[in-house]
Structure formats: C-alpha cells, structure tokens
Amino acid sequence: MNTVSAPDHVRISIIGTGFAGIGVAIKLKELGIDFTILERASSVGGTWRDNSYPGCKCDVPSHLYSFSFAPNPEWSHTYSPQPEIWEYLRRTTEEHGILPYIRFGHEVLDAAWDDDTRRWRIETAQGAITADLLIAGNGALSAPSIPEIEGIERFEGTVFHSAQWDHDHDLTGERVAVIGTGASAIQFVPEIQPDVARLHLFQRTAPWVLPHTDRRVTDGERRLYRRFPRAQRLVRAAIYWSREMLVLGLTRWPKLMKPTERMGRANLNKHVQDPVLRAKLTPKFSPGCKRLLLSDDYYPALVQDNVEVVTEAIREVRPRAVVTADGVEHEVDTIIYGTGFRVTDNPIGERVRGRDGQTLAKAWADGGARAYLGSTVPGFPNLFLMTGPNTGIGHTSLVVMIEAQTTYILDCLRTMRERDASTVEVRPEAFEAFNAEVQAKMGRTVWSLGGCASWYLDSHGRNTTLWPDFTFRYRERTKRFDVESYVLATGHTA
C-alpha cells in the first residue's frame, strides 16, 4: 500500500480512527486541507475495533448508525453486529482514500500548546510532530473502566475486560464471574452462559431491559437500497425523527416514559417466573435514567440452572474466589469486567495541555468536564473535541452529533482562512453561558430526576455526558461557526 509520508508539521492532527476521526478526515480531504491521523492501534475502527466480545452489536438502528454521506445498503440486520460495523468503517476509510493519512501505532502520549509558535507539540509512541490545530476524536468509549477491588492482584485465574476480550481463553466448563450488568454484559452473558459450568453475575443495579426489535434485512430490501439509494435515505430519516420523539419523555415530561416502564416490566415478568430472582432484576429507578438496554435472550439466560445473580457488594478477591459483603465465597476460574468505560474522566484529559501547561483534567477539576458546544475550551487554542462533554445521546445515533461537529469545525476553518487567523479560542463568557444553559436543562431530565446513579454522572453527580435536548437543535447551533463567541488572532506561526 502506498502511503503519504507524514511530515514533522501538519496543518491538522486528528486523534483516533473511530467514527469521529474518520468522518472529519473525509471532509478535510474533500477540501484539500493538510492533515494526519494518529492511531494507537494497527487498524481503524475505534470502539468497534476494540469491542469484539461475543454478541457485540449496536443498539441504534443500522441505517442511522452510519455516515449520511456513505450509506451502506448491505446491512444484514436492522441492528448491526460489531463485525459489520467494523468492516463498514474499514471499507469507508479505504473508499475515501483516508488510509494513507493514518499513522498507526502512534498513541498520543502528550499534546501541549506552544504559545510562542502557535502550534500543538504532540508526543507519540513513535516520535513527535507539530500541528496548527488538534482534533481529539479519541471517543468517550475508548478507555475501559477497571474497578478497584481489594485482592484482585492475588487472583490466580484469568481476568479481562469486555473491551479487551481474551479470545484465546476458552471459557468452556469454567466457573466465571461477570462484574457489571450494563450494555456489554447483557450481550455477552447469553453468549457464554451455555458454555460455562457456573456463571456468577455480580449486579450493582438492575437495568431496564426491553424486547429487541432486531430482524434480518431481506434480500429485496438490499436490492431496493442498491438500486434506489433515496429509499434508504428515507428510511434513515424516518428512524431519525421517530428517535427524536423519545426526547420528550427523557428531557421534558418523564411521565411519557410510563409505557416504556410497562414494556420493561412485562418483558421481565414474561421470562422470569421466580419471585426472588424477579425482585433482584426489577429496576429501582425510572426508565431512561440509565441507558435503556435491548435484549431477547438476557433474561432467559439468567433463569438457567448454572447462573447465579449476586446483588451483595464485592468485598474482596481471593486466589480462586470472589468474596461478597455477606462473607460468601464464590469460587471462580475467570473474572470478566463488564464495567464500561472512563467517560467522565477519560485519560485524554491528562495528556492534553493548553496555555501555561494546564491539562484538560486540571481545567475540569472543579466544574467537571465542560466545553462550548462540546467542542472548545478556554485556554486551549486551536483544539476541537469530537464527542466532547455533553454531546453524548441517550436516544439516537452519535453519528448525528459527529457530523454536526464536523460541519462546525469546517466552517471555523473557512472563517480562519478568510480572516488570516492563526488561532481560535472560545471566549470564557460564551463557554460559561453555554454550560450554565446545559446544566439548567439537565435539571429537569430523567437523568437527573430518575433516581439512579449512572456513568453519565461525574464524581460530583453532574451529568457532563449527555446532550439534554433534541439533536436537531444541536445541529442548528453548529451549522454555522459563531465567530462572535471566539477570539481570533491573526498572523502566522513561526
């Protein structure tokens, strides 16, 4: 494969090759703008490369969980399995000629803004480069969250996280502990349950699990989409607007979530007859407060004779057992973490340093992770965060937000070019006003009033993850770069 040799200095450096990094790279290439992509792994794909656990699939419909400019008429299911999404990203990268611009094995170790040269100085695992602008497309679901459990270092069996699945380790006939009952666990637990001798599922909070509407896409549908791409675009639009209606229940009138609650209870009652187990699996919070999960085989797996749902807190791990607060030893051979990701304390915050050497983590220490439109932060010139604070969504496709942010960044670049500006930095007053607005809206959402603790919340109990409104309103706010909210400095870099 021919590659474009990445110079010591580039106009724009992008971190990561998930949907965010690849999406913005394609648009930059179309405009002929100089860039390079720094990727820590040896292939593209981001979270859809890393999460290869059994049963992994998307919980957003396939036609919406893809780039609007690169539809895929070949989806096999209405909700795509992980291998197909990863293949879609690889194929899209190749078809748009992005591969030559990627530097694989270049994990970003440190990125520091140099005020004198007006450049970002980036240290990677394979050397240093500089860039005029830095786009962080590393993603919120990129760093596995590993809980601190006393004695885990003494465990003599196998331990791994669902996002780092050990495919060489055979679980057949083993006693397995699964810690966590989130979106990943409800997918891989039914897959491994028939093979293991004993499965201990350690549950802190019972999730709302709804019936899955996934089905195979017919040959006729695929032929239709290939011949008439507009038909697929119409399906995508219908899915988008139906998903937007969920916002009314999540952010305006929580009572609208009552039908969802009834559906969840009916799903539980249908599959779980034992009253003791049913009580354990009954959520104690409003639907939507934590992410709604979709599965037709999770509850059926939990009622099997070789499964135990444990709600007692874990006290410690011994060489061959997990010990709970009630003193019970659960003998296990393998421990699998289904504990999600470091979203509100993503490690990238420690590696990006703005003016005066302050890290993002330090800038966010008191007020939590914040950014103007989820993209820019005072004190960090020429830095754009893709899927940054409060751009996550609880009802639709994150690709919608990614494309909106890309539009915003491209218009910013156009404005900088027209004004001969070398730096762009959000005004503190615009930054503060926006985040005050977001948190004011957050106060009346189900995520704040629903009575749950979730990964949406930071250590101070603030929701710094989700966008508390319709996504079409975010798209409206980002379709034009609002130069009045920024300070643009003219001149050229050294």
Protein backbone atom coordinates (compact mmCIF):
# COMPACT_ATOMS: atom_id res chain seq x y z
CA MET A 1 0.00 0.00 0.00
CA ASN A 2 1.33 3.45 -0.90
CA THR A 3 1.33 5.88 2.00
CA VAL A 4 1.60 9.61 2.30
CA SER A 5 4.65 10.28 4.48
CA ALA A 6 3.53 12.33 7.47
CA PRO A 7 5.79 15.39 7.80
CA ASP A 8 7.12 16.80 11.06
CA HIS A 9 4.48 19.52 10.81
CA VAL A 10 0.91 19.35 9.53
CA ARG A 11 -1.96 21.77 9.38
CA ILE A 12 -4.29 19.50 11.39
CA SER A 13 -3.65 16.43 13.51
CA ILE A 14 -6.56 14.12 14.37
CA ILE A 15 -6.50 11.64 17.25
CA GLY A 16 -8.27 8.34 16.60
CA THR A 17 -9.87 6.42 13.73
CA GLY A 18 -13.36 5.75 15.02
CA PHE A 19 -16.45 7.36 13.50
CA ALA A 20 -15.36 10.82 14.69
CA GLY A 21 -11.80 10.73 13.38
CA ILE A 22 -12.64 9.09 10.07
CA GLY A 23 -15.67 11.30 9.48
CA VAL A 24 -13.83 14.60 9.93
CA ALA A 25 -10.83 13.29 7.96
CA ILE A 26 -13.01 12.50 4.93
CA LYS A 27 -14.39 16.04 4.89
CA LEU A 28 -10.95 17.61 5.33
CA LYS A 29 -9.62 15.56 2.43
CA GLU A 30 -12.52 16.67 0.23
CA LEU A 31 -11.50 20.29 0.89
CA GLY A 32 -7.82 19.61 0.25
CA ILE A 33 -6.77 20.52 3.79
CA ASP A 34 -3.50 19.08 5.10
CA PHE A 35 -3.93 16.59 7.96
CA THR A 36 -2.70 13.39 9.52
CA ILE A 37 -4.40 10.91 11.84
CA LEU A 38 -2.66 9.47 14.89
CA GLU A 39 -3.94 5.99 15.77
CA ARG A 40 -2.66 3.90 18.68
CA ALA A 41 -3.71 0.57 17.18
CA SER A 42 -2.77 -1.21 13.95
CA SER A 43 -6.14 -0.79 12.23
CA VAL A 44 -9.03 1.65 12.12
CA GLY A 45 -12.33 1.29 13.94
CA GLY A 46 -12.13 2.77 17.42
CA THR A 47 -14.54 1.20 19.87
CA TRP A 48 -15.93 -1.05 17.10
CA ARG A 49 -12.46 -2.50 16.60
CA ASP A 50 -11.76 -2.97 20.30
CA ASN A 51 -15.11 -4.36 21.44
CA SER A 52 -15.14 -7.79 19.84
CA TYR A 53 -16.78 -9.68 22.70
CA PRO A 54 -19.31 -12.42 21.84
CA GLY A 55 -22.69 -10.98 20.87
CA CYS A 56 -21.48 -7.39 20.43
CA LYS A 57 -23.88 -5.32 18.34
CA CYS A 58 -25.17 -1.77 18.10
CA ASP A 59 -28.32 -0.70 19.95
CA VAL A 60 -29.08 2.01 17.35
CA PRO A 61 -30.64 1.02 14.00
CA SER A 62 -28.09 0.35 11.27
CA HIS A 63 -29.41 2.87 8.74
CA LEU A 64 -28.91 5.68 11.27
CA TYR A 65 -25.65 4.39 12.75
CA SER A 66 -23.62 5.22 9.66
CA PHE A 67 -22.45 8.34 7.85
CA SER A 68 -25.19 10.18 5.98
CA PHE A 69 -22.77 10.62 3.07
CA ALA A 70 -21.80 6.93 3.00
CA PRO A 71 -24.93 4.76 3.29
CA ASN A 72 -24.50 1.01 3.40
CA PRO A 73 -27.19 -0.93 1.50
CA GLU A 74 -25.69 -4.26 2.60
CA TRP A 75 -26.53 -4.31 6.32
CA SER A 76 -27.59 -7.84 7.25
CA HIS A 77 -29.71 -6.78 10.24
CA THR A 78 -31.69 -3.75 11.27
CA TYR A 79 -29.29 -3.51 14.26
CA SER A 80 -25.75 -4.18 13.07
CA PRO A 81 -23.40 -6.70 14.69
CA GLN A 82 -19.92 -5.50 15.59
CA PRO A 83 -18.06 -7.22 12.73
CA GLU A 84 -20.22 -5.45 10.14
CA ILE A 85 -19.76 -2.02 11.72
CA TRP A 86 -16.01 -2.52 11.90
CA GLU A 87 -15.96 -3.66 8.29
CA TYR A 88 -18.09 -0.62 7.32
CA LEU A 89 -15.52 1.71 8.90
CA ARG A 90 -12.61 -0.06 7.21
CA ARG A 91 -14.33 -0.01 3.82
CA THR A 92 -15.38 3.64 4.14
CA THR A 93 -11.82 4.59 5.09
CA GLU A 94 -10.44 2.83 2.01
CA GLU A 95 -13.08 4.09 -0.42
CA HIS A 96 -12.47 7.70 0.61
CA GLY A 97 -8.69 7.38 0.41
CA ILE A 98 -8.00 8.05 4.08
CA LEU A 99 -5.68 5.12 4.85
CA PRO A 100 -2.53 6.84 3.52
CA TYR A 101 -3.01 9.66 6.02
CA ILE A 102 -3.10 7.42 9.09
CA ARG A 103 -0.06 6.83 11.28
CA PHE A 104 -0.75 3.51 13.01
CA GLY A 105 0.95 2.69 16.30
CA HIS A 106 1.15 6.40 17.15
CA GLU A 107 -0.55 6.59 20.52
CA VAL A 108 -0.64 10.19 21.71
CA LEU A 109 1.31 10.41 24.96
CA ASP A 110 1.25 14.19 25.35
CA ALA A 111 -0.07 17.17 23.41
CA ALA A 112 0.99 20.64 24.54
CA TRP A 113 0.08 24.04 23.14
CA ASP A 114 3.08 26.29 22.39
CA ASP A 115 2.02 29.92 22.60
CA ASP A 116 5.23 31.18 21.02
CA THR A 117 4.91 29.20 17.79
CA ARG A 118 1.10 28.90 17.94
CA ARG A 119 1.32 25.18 17.41
CA TRP A 120 0.49 21.96 19.15
CA ARG A 121 3.55 19.87 20.02
CA ILE A 122 2.47 16.25 20.05
CA GLU A 123 4.48 13.38 21.51
CA THR A 124 3.51 9.96 20.21
CA ALA A 125 4.74 6.45 20.86
CA GLN A 126 6.81 6.75 17.68
CA GLY A 127 8.06 10.31 17.79
CA ALA A 128 6.97 13.93 17.82
CA ILE A 129 5.10 16.11 15.35
CA THR A 130 3.60 19.58 15.44
CA ALA A 131 0.23 20.78 14.17
CA ASP A 132 -1.58 24.08 13.83
CA LEU A 133 -4.83 22.53 15.02
CA LEU A 134 -5.59 19.43 17.07
CA ILE A 135 -8.84 17.48 16.76
CA ALA A 136 -9.41 14.93 19.50
CA GLY A 137 -11.51 12.14 18.03
CA ASN A 138 -10.47 9.56 20.60
CA GLY A 139 -14.06 8.92 21.71
CA ALA A 140 -15.72 8.52 25.09
CA LEU A 141 -15.75 4.71 24.92
CA SER A 142 -12.02 4.25 24.41
CA ALA A 143 -10.62 3.65 27.91
CA PRO A 144 -12.05 0.65 29.83
CA SER A 145 -13.10 1.33 33.41
CA ILE A 146 -11.50 -1.17 35.77
CA PRO A 147 -12.90 -1.11 39.33
CA GLU A 148 -10.56 -1.15 42.28
CA ILE A 149 -11.23 -4.42 44.12
CA GLU A 150 -9.21 -5.47 47.11
CA GLY A 151 -7.10 -8.55 46.47
CA ILE A 152 -7.57 -8.67 42.70
CA GLU A 153 -3.80 -8.87 42.22
CA ARG A 154 -3.81 -12.17 44.16
CA PHE A 155 -6.34 -13.83 41.85
CA GLU A 156 -4.77 -16.89 40.20
CA GLY A 157 -7.24 -17.22 37.35
CA THR A 158 -7.81 -15.15 34.20
CA VAL A 159 -9.05 -11.55 34.31
CA PHE A 160 -10.07 -9.33 31.40
CA HIS A 161 -12.44 -6.50 30.46
CA SER A 162 -15.16 -6.98 27.86
CA ALA A 163 -13.47 -4.34 25.68
CA GLN A 164 -10.25 -6.38 25.80
CA TRP A 165 -11.80 -9.80 25.31
CA ASP A 166 -9.34 -12.67 25.56
CA HIS A 167 -10.36 -14.77 22.57
CA ASP A 168 -7.55 -17.26 23.27
CA HIS A 169 -9.03 -18.14 26.63
CA ASP A 170 -11.59 -20.96 26.50
CA LEU A 171 -14.44 -20.48 28.98
CA THR A 172 -15.91 -23.93 28.38
CA GLY A 173 -16.57 -25.70 31.66
CA GLU A 174 -15.24 -22.82 33.75
CA ARG A 175 -16.68 -21.02 36.73
CA VAL A 176 -16.99 -17.43 35.56
CA ALA A 177 -17.63 -14.20 37.45
CA VAL A 178 -19.12 -11.34 35.43
CA ILE A 179 -18.94 -7.98 37.18
CA GLY A 180 -21.45 -5.46 35.85
CA THR A 181 -24.82 -5.54 34.12
CA GLY A 182 -24.58 -2.78 31.53
CA ALA A 183 -24.93 -2.72 27.76
CA SER A 184 -21.95 -5.02 27.14
CA ALA A 185 -22.80 -7.62 29.77
CA ILE A 186 -26.37 -8.14 28.59
CA GLN A 187 -24.95 -9.01 25.17
CA PHE A 188 -22.12 -11.37 26.11
CA VAL A 189 -23.73 -13.11 29.11
CA PRO A 190 -26.26 -15.02 26.93
CA GLU A 191 -23.43 -15.98 24.57
CA ILE A 192 -21.17 -17.53 27.21
CA GLN A 193 -23.85 -18.94 29.53
CA PRO A 194 -24.39 -22.23 27.63
CA ASP A 195 -20.65 -23.00 27.67
CA VAL A 196 -19.63 -22.26 31.24
CA ALA A 197 -20.08 -24.58 34.19
CA ARG A 198 -21.19 -21.79 36.50
CA LEU A 199 -21.81 -18.09 35.92
CA HIS A 200 -21.89 -15.65 38.84
CA LEU A 201 -23.34 -12.33 37.68
CA PHE A 202 -22.47 -9.56 40.14
CA GLN A 203 -25.10 -6.87 39.80
CA ARG A 204 -24.97 -3.48 41.48
CA THR A 205 -28.05 -2.03 39.77
CA ALA A 206 -30.71 -3.87 37.78
CA PRO A 207 -31.13 -2.25 34.33
CA TRP A 208 -34.29 -1.75 32.31
CA VAL A 209 -34.22 -4.37 29.55
CA LEU A 210 -36.69 -4.04 26.67
CA PRO A 211 -37.54 -6.53 23.91
CA HIS A 212 -35.25 -6.25 20.90
CA THR A 213 -36.78 -5.34 17.55
CA ASP A 214 -33.78 -6.54 15.53
CA ARG A 215 -34.53 -8.58 12.39
CA ARG A 216 -32.74 -9.66 9.25
CA VAL A 217 -32.78 -7.21 6.35
CA THR A 218 -34.32 -9.05 3.41
CA ASP A 219 -32.63 -9.56 0.05
CA GLY A 220 -35.39 -7.48 -1.51
CA GLU A 221 -34.69 -4.54 0.80
CA ARG A 222 -30.99 -4.65 0.00
CA ARG A 223 -31.71 -4.73 -3.75
CA LEU A 224 -34.02 -1.75 -3.32
CA TYR A 225 -31.37 0.24 -1.42
CA ARG A 226 -28.71 -0.57 -4.01
CA ARG A 227 -30.91 0.47 -6.91
CA PHE A 228 -32.65 3.42 -5.22
CA PRO A 229 -30.37 4.99 -2.59
CA ARG A 230 -33.07 7.56 -1.92
CA ALA A 231 -35.22 4.80 -0.40
CA GLN A 232 -32.57 4.12 2.22
CA ARG A 233 -32.24 7.82 2.94
CA LEU A 234 -36.00 7.98 3.55
CA VAL A 235 -35.78 5.04 5.95
CA ARG A 236 -32.91 6.77 7.74
CA ALA A 237 -34.95 9.97 8.05
CA ALA A 238 -37.95 8.09 9.42
CA ILE A 239 -35.79 6.38 12.04
CA TYR A 240 -34.16 9.69 12.95
CA TRP A 241 -37.41 11.55 13.57
CA SER A 242 -39.03 8.66 15.45
CA ARG A 243 -35.98 8.61 17.73
CA GLU A 244 -36.18 12.36 18.27
CA MET A 245 -39.64 11.93 19.75
CA LEU A 246 -38.09 9.99 22.64
CA VAL A 247 -36.54 13.26 23.80
CA LEU A 248 -39.93 14.43 25.02
CA GLY A 249 -40.00 11.72 27.68
CA LEU A 250 -36.31 11.91 28.53
CA THR A 251 -36.00 15.68 28.89
CA ARG A 252 -39.46 17.23 29.17
CA TRP A 253 -42.19 15.03 30.56
CA PRO A 254 -40.87 11.90 32.33
CA LYS A 255 -44.44 10.59 32.59
CA LEU A 256 -44.21 9.82 28.89
CA MET A 257 -41.79 7.04 29.86
CA LYS A 258 -44.58 5.10 31.62
CA PRO A 259 -45.34 2.94 28.55
CA THR A 260 -41.63 2.10 28.40
CA GLU A 261 -41.75 1.09 32.05
CA ARG A 262 -44.75 -1.14 31.43
CA MET A 263 -42.96 -2.74 28.48
CA GLY A 264 -39.88 -3.39 30.60
CA ARG A 265 -41.88 -4.94 33.43
CA ALA A 266 -43.82 -7.11 31.01
CA ASN A 267 -40.56 -8.29 29.45
CA LEU A 268 -39.18 -9.22 32.88
CA ASN A 269 -42.39 -10.93 34.00
CA LYS A 270 -42.57 -12.92 30.77
CA HIS A 271 -39.14 -14.50 31.18
CA VAL A 272 -38.56 -14.63 34.94
CA GLN A 273 -41.10 -16.58 36.98
CA ASP A 274 -39.11 -16.99 40.21
CA PRO A 275 -40.22 -14.15 42.52
CA VAL A 276 -36.86 -13.89 44.29
CA LEU A 277 -34.90 -13.55 41.05
CA ARG A 278 -37.53 -11.25 39.59
CA ALA A 279 -37.17 -8.94 42.59
CA LYS A 280 -33.41 -8.83 42.07
CA LEU A 281 -33.86 -7.93 38.42
CA THR A 282 -36.52 -5.25 38.95
CA PRO A 283 -35.06 -1.74 38.42
CA LYS A 284 -35.47 0.79 41.22
CA PHE A 285 -35.26 3.87 39.03
CA SER A 286 -37.16 5.50 36.16
CA PRO A 287 -36.65 4.14 32.63
CA GLY A 288 -34.09 6.17 30.72
CA CYS A 289 -32.27 7.36 33.85
CA LYS A 290 -29.63 4.80 32.88
CA ARG A 291 -29.31 3.66 29.28
CA LEU A 292 -32.24 1.53 28.10
CA LEU A 293 -31.00 -1.91 27.07
CA LEU A 294 -32.36 -4.17 24.34
CA SER A 295 -32.27 -7.96 24.53
CA ASP A 296 -34.43 -11.01 23.93
CA ASP A 297 -32.00 -13.51 25.44
CA TYR A 298 -30.61 -11.81 28.58
CA TYR A 299 -33.44 -12.77 30.95
CA PRO A 300 -33.76 -16.31 29.50
CA ALA A 301 -30.03 -16.80 30.19
CA LEU A 302 -30.35 -15.68 33.80
CA VAL A 303 -33.02 -18.26 34.67
CA GLN A 304 -30.78 -21.16 33.70
CA ASP A 305 -29.59 -23.55 36.41
CA ASN A 306 -25.92 -22.64 36.01
CA VAL A 307 -26.46 -18.89 36.61
CA GLU A 308 -26.50 -17.02 39.92
CA VAL A 309 -27.35 -13.32 40.15
CA VAL A 310 -25.47 -11.83 43.10
CA THR A 311 -26.57 -8.45 44.46
CA GLU A 312 -24.32 -8.38 47.52
CA ALA A 313 -21.38 -5.99 47.13
CA ILE A 314 -17.98 -7.47 46.39
CA ARG A 315 -15.71 -7.27 49.45
CA GLU A 316 -12.51 -8.79 48.09
CA VAL A 317 -10.99 -11.25 45.66
CA ARG A 318 -9.01 -14.26 46.85
CA PRO A 319 -6.75 -16.53 44.74
CA ARG A 320 -9.68 -18.59 43.48
CA ALA A 321 -12.81 -16.79 44.68
CA VAL A 322 -14.80 -13.58 44.79
CA VAL A 323 -15.98 -12.79 48.33
CA THR A 324 -19.11 -10.71 48.88
CA ALA A 325 -20.07 -8.50 51.82
CA ASP A 326 -22.09 -11.32 53.39
CA GLY A 327 -18.94 -13.42 53.64
CA VAL A 328 -19.88 -15.88 50.89
CA GLU A 329 -17.02 -17.20 48.75
CA HIS A 330 -17.93 -17.60 45.09
CA GLU A 331 -15.28 -19.89 43.62
CA VAL A 332 -14.36 -18.83 40.08
CA ASP A 333 -11.74 -19.50 37.41
CA THR A 334 -12.21 -16.34 35.34
CA ILE A 335 -13.32 -12.79 36.09
CA ILE A 336 -14.79 -10.66 33.28
CA TYR A 337 -15.34 -6.96 33.81
CA GLY A 338 -18.46 -5.62 32.15
CA THR A 339 -17.90 -2.28 33.84
CA GLY A 340 -17.95 0.14 30.93
CA PHE A 341 -15.57 2.97 30.21
CA ARG A 342 -13.90 6.01 31.71
CA VAL A 343 -16.27 8.55 30.22
CA THR A 344 -16.29 11.47 32.67
CA ASP A 345 -12.59 11.03 33.49
CA ASN A 346 -11.23 9.99 30.10
CA PRO A 347 -7.40 9.68 30.22
CA ILE A 348 -7.05 12.11 27.30
CA GLY A 349 -7.69 14.86 29.85
CA GLU A 350 -4.32 14.17 31.45
CA ARG A 351 -2.48 14.18 28.12
CA VAL A 352 -3.68 17.47 26.59
CA ARG A 353 -2.08 20.63 27.98
CA GLY A 354 -3.17 24.09 26.99
CA ARG A 355 -1.79 27.52 27.73
CA ASP A 356 0.59 27.62 30.73
CA GLY A 357 0.79 23.83 30.74
CA GLN A 358 -2.61 23.26 32.35
CA THR A 359 -4.16 19.91 31.47
CA LEU A 360 -7.78 19.47 30.47
CA ALA A 361 -8.20 17.34 33.60
CA LYS A 362 -6.98 20.24 35.76
CA ALA A 363 -9.21 22.73 33.94
CA TRP A 364 -12.16 20.45 34.62
CA ALA A 365 -11.24 19.55 38.20
CA ASP A 366 -13.79 21.82 39.86
CA GLY A 367 -16.60 22.35 37.36
CA GLY A 368 -16.47 18.95 35.69
CA ALA A 369 -15.80 18.24 32.01
CA ARG A 370 -17.14 21.19 30.04
CA ALA A 371 -16.76 22.58 26.55
CA TYR A 372 -18.55 25.14 24.41
CA LEU A 373 -20.89 23.17 22.16
CA GLY A 374 -18.99 20.14 23.43
CA SER A 375 -16.08 21.23 21.24
CA THR A 376 -13.89 24.07 22.54
CA VAL A 377 -12.40 25.10 25.91
CA PRO A 378 -10.88 28.45 27.02
CA GLY A 379 -7.13 28.23 27.47
CA PHE A 380 -6.83 25.56 24.76
CA PRO A 381 -6.44 27.41 21.44
CA ASN A 382 -6.94 25.52 18.19
CA LEU A 383 -8.27 22.45 20.00
CA PHE A 384 -11.53 20.77 18.97
CA LEU A 385 -13.05 17.92 20.94
CA MET A 386 -15.15 15.48 18.94
CA THR A 387 -17.97 13.92 21.02
CA GLY A 388 -16.78 16.11 23.88
CA PRO A 389 -18.65 16.93 27.12
CA ASN A 390 -22.46 16.91 26.85
CA THR A 391 -22.59 15.71 23.27
CA GLY A 392 -23.46 12.12 24.14
CA ILE A 393 -27.01 11.00 23.48
CA GLY A 394 -29.39 8.61 25.17
CA HIS A 395 -31.87 8.10 22.37
CA THR A 396 -30.28 8.22 18.91
CA SER A 397 -27.10 7.83 16.88
CA LEU A 398 -23.91 9.56 17.99
CA VAL A 399 -23.01 9.83 14.30
CA VAL A 400 -25.62 12.60 14.05
CA MET A 401 -23.66 14.65 16.60
CA ILE A 402 -20.33 13.80 14.97
CA GLU A 403 -21.49 15.11 11.59
CA ALA A 404 -22.83 18.28 13.22
CA GLN A 405 -19.50 18.92 14.94
CA THR A 406 -17.67 18.28 11.67
CA THR A 407 -19.78 20.94 9.93
CA TYR A 408 -18.93 23.38 12.73
CA ILE A 409 -15.18 22.70 12.53
CA LEU A 410 -15.12 23.08 8.74
CA ASP A 411 -16.88 26.43 8.95
CA CYS A 412 -14.40 27.51 11.61
CA LEU A 413 -11.53 26.65 9.28
CA ARG A 414 -13.17 28.63 6.49
CA THR A 415 -13.52 31.63 8.80
CA MET A 416 -9.90 31.39 9.94
CA ARG A 417 -8.75 31.28 6.33
CA GLU A 418 -10.84 34.29 5.34
CA ARG A 419 -9.55 36.32 8.30
CA ASP A 420 -5.96 35.11 8.03
CA ALA A 421 -6.26 33.88 11.64
CA SER A 422 -3.66 31.56 13.12
CA THR A 423 -5.50 30.85 16.37
CA VAL A 424 -9.09 30.47 17.51
CA GLU A 425 -10.18 30.29 21.13
CA VAL A 426 -13.63 30.33 22.68
CA ARG A 427 -14.45 33.34 24.86
CA PRO A 428 -14.83 32.43 28.57
CA GLU A 429 -18.20 34.20 28.79
CA ALA A 430 -19.61 32.17 25.88
CA PHE A 431 -18.21 29.00 27.42
CA GLU A 432 -19.75 29.71 30.84
CA ALA A 433 -23.12 30.76 29.44
CA PHE A 434 -23.42 27.65 27.31
CA ASN A 435 -22.59 25.27 30.13
CA ALA A 436 -24.94 27.04 32.53
CA GLU A 437 -27.67 26.60 29.93
CA VAL A 438 -26.89 22.89 29.55
CA GLN A 439 -26.97 22.20 33.28
CA ALA A 440 -30.19 24.20 33.71
CA LYS A 441 -31.83 22.00 31.07
CA MET A 442 -30.31 18.89 32.64
CA GLY A 443 -32.07 19.53 35.93
CA ARG A 444 -35.48 18.60 34.57
CA THR A 445 -34.45 15.48 32.65
CA VAL A 446 -35.00 11.86 33.64
CA TRP A 447 -31.20 11.56 34.00
CA SER A 448 -31.38 13.95 36.96
CA LEU A 449 -34.82 13.15 38.37
CA GLY A 450 -34.97 9.41 37.69
CA GLY A 451 -33.33 8.27 40.91
CA CYS A 452 -30.29 6.43 39.54
CA ALA A 453 -26.52 6.65 39.58
CA SER A 454 -25.10 6.14 36.12
CA TRP A 455 -21.94 6.52 34.05
CA TYR A 456 -23.50 9.69 32.69
CA LEU A 457 -22.62 11.40 36.01
CA ASP A 458 -19.17 12.50 37.16
CA SER A 459 -17.77 12.13 40.67
CA HIS A 460 -19.67 15.25 41.74
CA GLY A 461 -23.00 13.96 40.47
CA ARG A 462 -23.10 16.24 37.43
CA ASN A 463 -24.22 14.95 34.07
CA THR A 464 -21.33 16.00 31.87
CA THR A 465 -22.04 13.35 29.26
CA LEU A 466 -25.40 13.82 27.56
CA TRP A 467 -27.00 16.46 25.37
CA PRO A 468 -30.26 17.45 27.14
CA ASP A 469 -32.28 18.38 24.10
CA PHE A 470 -33.25 17.38 20.57
CA THR A 471 -30.30 16.69 18.29
CA PHE A 472 -31.83 18.84 15.56
CA ARG A 473 -31.33 21.79 17.90
CA TYR A 474 -27.67 20.93 18.28
CA ARG A 475 -27.38 20.63 14.51
CA GLU A 476 -29.00 24.04 14.16
CA ARG A 477 -26.47 25.60 16.56
CA THR A 478 -23.47 24.07 14.82
CA LYS A 479 -24.36 24.58 11.15
CA ARG A 480 -22.54 27.93 11.27
CA PHE A 481 -19.36 28.88 13.12
CA ASP A 482 -20.42 31.64 15.52
CA VAL A 483 -17.30 33.78 15.30
CA GLU A 484 -18.69 36.24 17.85
CA SER A 485 -18.17 33.59 20.56
CA TYR A 486 -14.43 33.36 19.82
CA VAL A 487 -11.21 35.34 19.83
CA LEU A 488 -9.37 35.00 16.51
CA ALA A 489 -5.74 36.10 16.40
CA THR A 490 -4.19 36.97 13.08
CA GLY A 491 -0.62 36.34 12.00
CA HIS A 492 1.29 33.23 11.10
CA THR A 493 3.05 30.51 13.03
CA ALA A 494 6.81 30.54 13.41
